[in-house]
Structure formats: C-alpha cells, structure tokens
Amino acid sequence: MKQIVIAIVAVLVLLLGAATVSAADTCKVEMPASGQDYLGQPGVWTRLGQRLTITDSLVTAIGYQVCRVGTPTGDVILSIWDIETDEAIFTAVWGDASDLPEGGAQGYISVPLDPPIRVDGDVRICAEYYSGNETDYVRVGYFSGDRITGEWYTNYLAYGIWHDVGEAEEGSYMYEYVCEENGNDTSGPLVPVALVVGGIWAIGGVIYLVRRRSRG
C-alpha cells in the first residue's frame, strides 16, 4: 500500500507540472514609443490607447507605457473597450499616479486579466486618468508612423467623444495572450480533461502492477 501511495503522489506531481507549463505558454504583443502625450489635464484627453483587432484570443494581461509629471495622485486605469458597443470588456485600477515612474520612462505598466478573457473583434486598449491638473498629470507613449497597418492611435476627449487618429500614429500598448498551436487553444478545457483522464489511467496502471508484484 505504501508503494501505491508513493506512485499516486508521483503521478499527481507530474500532472501539476504539466498544467503549470501549459498555463505559462503565453505570447506578447508590444508597441514601442517615439514620443509621449499628456493625459488627465483639464480639457484634454482622459483616455489614450490603441484601436486594433484581436482575433479569437484568450487575453491574459494588458499594459501601456505611462509615466508621471509633477506629483499627480488618483487612479491610473487600464482597460479594453468594445468598439461596436462602446462598452468596457475589462477595466482595472493599476494603482495610484504617484507610484508611476517619472517623466521620460518608457516601461510598461500592466495588469493581469484574472481569469483571462477571450477577445474576438475590434477593441481599444487604453490607459485612463481623470485627476490631473496643469502641473501634475501623466503622460503615455505613442509611436509616430504607420507601424501596423489597420491599427491606430485613439483618444477620448474630456467631453466624451472618441477620436481615432488614423494610420499616422500608434499607441504604445501591450497585451499578452495564450499562444495557439495549430488552431488549438492550449489553455482550453480539453487540457485539464486530458490530464485528469491520463492521470487516472496512469494511476490505475501503477496500482495494477503493484498488486501483481505483491501476488507474485
């Protein structure tokens, strides 16, 4: 019996290890920056982002290049907006503006999507900030030029209107998604099911062999 217990534990460890590898199998899309725009000053933009198409992907994280100028405070938000319905698919507070890197920094701030969200269509990935003033505000990155045809920089004016810049610029966004191989989503429900079925089969085989040896 002791041998059976040890064998079961070993199989479970192997199964958990396989599940961890599968869950970590993600890809990343990043847009660099060549300049920065103001965000959160009175009378200007409260959302800046990228308009793009994400095709049937399980998104696990989003990010944006954001830094602070002066001593701003208030929530910095990262979000995904559905273009067709103009509704937020996902929104999360990254943290307080006072914790952002200082002006000129080009690193991405990011938030996880937990659980991941399947996105399939035209969306906007945005950074949002609503609490700035003339001296204390945030800045976000953009790339000057048509780096990816069919995607473009987008902004949301303080009085509530989206404006898509067009092919002249791109927003410095980032998103991570579960990599797909041969059209199969490695994070889908078939993976855990296969692991469980395989685990039961393996454990049954181990028990059978151990009992057979003990009888011999």
Protein backbone atom coordinates (compact mmCIF):
# COMPACT_ATOMS: atom_id res chain seq x y z
CA MET A 1 0.00 0.00 0.00
CA LYS A 2 2.86 2.37 0.78
CA GLN A 3 4.20 1.82 -2.75
CA ILE A 4 0.79 2.67 -4.21
CA VAL A 5 0.58 5.94 -2.27
CA ILE A 6 4.08 6.96 -3.39
CA ALA A 7 3.23 6.16 -7.00
CA ILE A 8 -0.01 8.20 -6.87
CA VAL A 9 1.80 11.21 -5.40
CA ALA A 10 4.46 10.99 -8.12
CA VAL A 11 1.85 10.93 -10.88
CA LEU A 12 -0.01 13.91 -9.39
CA VAL A 13 3.23 15.91 -9.22
CA LEU A 14 3.86 15.21 -12.89
CA LEU A 15 0.30 16.27 -13.77
CA LEU A 16 0.60 19.53 -11.86
CA GLY A 17 3.90 20.26 -13.55
CA ALA A 18 2.36 19.74 -16.99
CA ALA A 19 -0.55 22.03 -16.14
CA THR A 20 1.85 24.75 -14.98
CA VAL A 21 3.83 24.63 -18.22
CA SER A 22 0.61 24.87 -20.25
CA ALA A 23 -0.66 27.84 -18.25
CA ALA A 24 2.63 29.69 -18.74
CA ASP A 25 2.54 29.32 -22.54
CA THR A 26 1.77 32.95 -23.42
CA CYS A 27 2.77 35.31 -26.21
CA LYS A 28 3.20 39.08 -26.04
CA VAL A 29 2.49 42.00 -28.40
CA GLU A 30 4.24 45.32 -27.66
CA MET A 31 4.25 48.68 -29.40
CA PRO A 32 7.32 50.89 -28.76
CA ALA A 33 7.17 54.65 -28.22
CA SER A 34 8.81 57.52 -30.06
CA GLY A 35 7.06 60.27 -28.08
CA GLN A 36 4.60 61.00 -25.26
CA ASP A 37 1.19 62.65 -24.94
CA TYR A 38 -0.45 64.38 -21.98
CA LEU A 39 -3.24 62.51 -20.18
CA GLY A 40 -5.54 63.81 -17.47
CA GLN A 41 -5.06 67.56 -17.77
CA PRO A 42 -8.29 69.61 -17.64
CA GLY A 43 -10.00 69.90 -21.00
CA VAL A 44 -7.90 67.30 -22.82
CA TRP A 45 -7.83 63.52 -23.10
CA THR A 46 -8.87 61.23 -20.27
CA ARG A 47 -8.23 58.00 -22.23
CA LEU A 48 -5.45 57.29 -24.69
CA GLY A 49 -5.00 53.98 -26.43
CA GLN A 50 -4.73 51.82 -29.50
CA ARG A 51 -7.54 50.71 -31.78
CA LEU A 52 -6.84 47.20 -33.07
CA THR A 53 -8.36 43.85 -33.96
CA ILE A 54 -7.72 40.85 -31.69
CA THR A 55 -8.81 37.61 -33.31
CA ASP A 56 -10.24 34.91 -31.04
CA SER A 57 -7.52 35.13 -28.38
CA LEU A 58 -7.54 34.43 -24.66
CA VAL A 59 -6.03 37.65 -23.28
CA THR A 60 -4.14 37.26 -20.00
CA ALA A 61 -2.72 40.78 -19.41
CA ILE A 62 -2.73 44.30 -20.84
CA GLY A 63 -0.35 47.20 -20.37
CA TYR A 64 0.63 50.66 -21.53
CA GLN A 65 3.62 52.98 -21.37
CA VAL A 66 2.68 55.54 -18.69
CA CYS A 67 4.78 57.92 -16.57
CA ARG A 68 4.11 60.88 -14.27
CA VAL A 69 4.89 64.58 -14.43
CA GLY A 70 4.96 66.51 -11.15
CA THR A 71 3.15 64.92 -8.23
CA PRO A 72 -0.15 63.58 -9.59
CA THR A 73 -2.47 61.41 -7.50
CA GLY A 74 -5.54 59.36 -8.31
CA ASP A 75 -6.30 56.07 -10.02
CA VAL A 76 -4.48 55.02 -13.17
CA ILE A 77 -6.73 52.62 -15.05
CA LEU A 78 -6.05 50.11 -17.83
CA SER A 79 -8.98 48.95 -19.94
CA ILE A 80 -10.27 47.16 -23.04
CA TRP A 81 -13.24 48.71 -24.86
CA ASP A 82 -15.50 47.03 -27.41
CA ILE A 83 -15.71 49.35 -30.42
CA GLU A 84 -19.09 48.09 -31.63
CA THR A 85 -20.92 48.52 -28.31
CA ASP A 86 -18.64 51.16 -26.71
CA GLU A 87 -18.70 49.12 -23.52
CA ALA A 88 -15.75 48.14 -21.34
CA ILE A 89 -14.81 44.48 -21.76
CA PHE A 90 -12.29 44.83 -18.96
CA THR A 91 -11.18 47.62 -16.64
CA ALA A 92 -8.82 47.56 -13.68
CA VAL A 93 -7.04 50.08 -11.47
CA TRP A 94 -3.28 49.67 -11.89
CA GLY A 95 -2.52 51.87 -8.89
CA ASP A 96 -2.02 55.49 -7.87
CA ALA A 97 -0.44 58.01 -10.23
CA SER A 98 2.11 58.90 -7.55
CA ASP A 99 3.62 55.40 -7.98
CA LEU A 100 4.30 55.80 -11.70
CA PRO A 101 7.88 56.20 -12.96
CA GLU A 102 8.98 59.78 -13.60
CA GLY A 103 8.54 61.52 -16.96
CA GLY A 104 10.54 60.12 -19.83
CA ALA A 105 10.32 56.49 -18.69
CA GLN A 106 9.17 54.06 -21.37
CA GLY A 107 8.47 50.91 -19.38
CA TYR A 108 5.04 49.29 -19.48
CA ILE A 109 2.69 49.25 -16.54
CA SER A 110 0.41 46.23 -16.72
CA VAL A 111 -2.45 44.39 -15.04
CA PRO A 112 -3.40 40.70 -15.30
CA LEU A 113 -6.79 39.53 -16.50
CA ASP A 114 -7.80 37.01 -13.88
CA PRO A 115 -9.50 35.00 -15.20
CA PRO A 116 -8.33 35.59 -18.79
CA ILE A 117 -10.92 36.98 -21.22
CA ARG A 118 -11.48 35.74 -24.76
CA VAL A 119 -11.43 38.69 -27.15
CA ASP A 120 -12.56 38.42 -30.76
CA GLY A 121 -13.10 41.66 -32.67
CA ASP A 122 -12.28 45.35 -32.84
CA VAL A 123 -11.27 46.84 -29.50
CA ARG A 124 -9.40 49.71 -27.88
CA ILE A 125 -6.69 49.03 -25.29
CA CYS A 126 -6.43 52.18 -23.17
CA ALA A 127 -4.75 53.95 -20.30
CA GLU A 128 -7.16 56.19 -18.35
CA TYR A 129 -6.56 59.01 -15.89
CA TYR A 130 -9.05 61.64 -14.67
CA SER A 131 -7.39 63.50 -11.80
CA GLY A 132 -4.64 65.69 -13.27
CA ASN A 133 -4.13 69.44 -13.30
CA GLU A 134 -1.88 71.83 -15.23
CA THR A 135 1.26 70.86 -13.30
CA ASP A 136 0.55 67.35 -12.05
CA TYR A 137 -0.55 64.81 -14.66
CA VAL A 138 0.55 61.68 -16.51
CA ARG A 139 1.97 61.05 -19.95
CA VAL A 140 1.60 58.00 -22.18
CA GLY A 141 3.69 56.75 -25.06
CA TYR A 142 2.86 56.76 -28.75
CA PHE A 143 4.73 55.75 -31.89
CA SER A 144 4.87 58.24 -34.74
CA GLY A 145 4.28 56.38 -38.01
CA ASP A 146 2.27 53.55 -39.51
CA ARG A 147 3.96 50.63 -37.81
CA ILE A 148 1.00 48.25 -38.16
CA THR A 149 -1.44 48.90 -40.99
CA GLY A 150 -5.05 48.68 -39.82
CA GLU A 151 -4.24 49.75 -36.24
CA TRP A 152 -4.11 53.31 -35.00
CA TYR A 153 -3.83 55.65 -32.06
CA THR A 154 -7.10 56.61 -30.39
CA ASN A 155 -8.12 59.12 -27.74
CA TYR A 156 -11.15 60.05 -25.69
CA LEU A 157 -11.81 63.73 -25.19
CA ALA A 158 -12.81 65.04 -21.78
CA TYR A 159 -16.32 65.86 -23.01
CA GLY A 160 -16.98 62.27 -24.07
CA ILE A 161 -16.08 61.65 -27.71
CA TRP A 162 -13.69 59.07 -29.15
CA HIS A 163 -11.26 60.29 -31.81
CA ASP A 164 -9.25 57.85 -33.92
CA VAL A 165 -6.05 59.49 -35.18
CA GLY A 166 -5.66 57.13 -38.16
CA GLU A 167 -2.61 55.46 -39.67
CA ALA A 168 -0.21 58.31 -38.78
CA GLU A 169 0.41 57.09 -35.20
CA GLU A 170 0.18 54.08 -32.92
CA GLY A 171 -0.45 53.88 -29.18
CA SER A 172 2.26 52.27 -27.04
CA TYR A 173 0.19 49.41 -25.72
CA MET A 174 0.96 45.83 -24.71
CA TYR A 175 -1.09 42.68 -24.33
CA GLU A 176 -0.36 39.05 -23.54
CA TYR A 177 -2.41 36.10 -24.71
CA VAL A 178 -2.40 32.32 -24.62
CA CYS A 179 -0.39 31.04 -27.58
CA GLU A 180 -2.28 28.91 -30.03
CA GLU A 181 -0.77 25.94 -31.81
CA ASN A 182 -2.40 24.62 -34.98
CA GLY A 183 -5.57 26.49 -34.08
CA ASN A 184 -5.92 24.75 -30.72
CA ASP A 185 -6.08 26.81 -27.54
CA THR A 186 -3.62 25.20 -25.12
CA SER A 187 -5.44 26.69 -22.14
CA GLY A 188 -8.89 25.37 -23.07
CA PRO A 189 -10.94 22.88 -21.08
CA LEU A 190 -9.60 19.91 -23.08
CA VAL A 191 -6.18 20.23 -21.45
CA PRO A 192 -7.34 19.67 -17.83
CA VAL A 193 -9.68 16.89 -19.01
CA ALA A 194 -6.88 15.15 -20.86
CA LEU A 195 -4.60 15.46 -17.85
CA VAL A 196 -7.22 14.02 -15.49
CA VAL A 197 -8.06 11.11 -17.82
CA GLY A 198 -4.39 10.41 -18.39
CA GLY A 199 -3.73 10.63 -14.67
CA ILE A 200 -6.50 8.18 -13.80
CA TRP A 201 -5.23 5.76 -16.44
CA ALA A 202 -1.64 6.05 -15.16
CA ILE A 203 -2.64 5.61 -11.52
CA GLY A 204 -4.74 2.57 -12.42
CA GLY A 205 -1.78 1.05 -14.25
CA VAL A 206 0.53 1.65 -11.29
CA ILE A 207 -1.94 0.05 -8.85
CA TYR A 208 -2.35 -2.95 -11.13
CA LEU A 209 1.41 -3.50 -11.42
CA VAL A 210 1.99 -3.11 -7.68
CA ARG A 211 -0.75 -5.61 -6.82
CA ARG A 212 0.53 -8.04 -9.42
CA ARG A 213 4.03 -7.89 -7.95
CA SER A 214 2.74 -8.40 -4.40
CA ARG A 215 0.83 -11.50 -5.51
CA GLY A 216 3.85 -12.87 -7.32
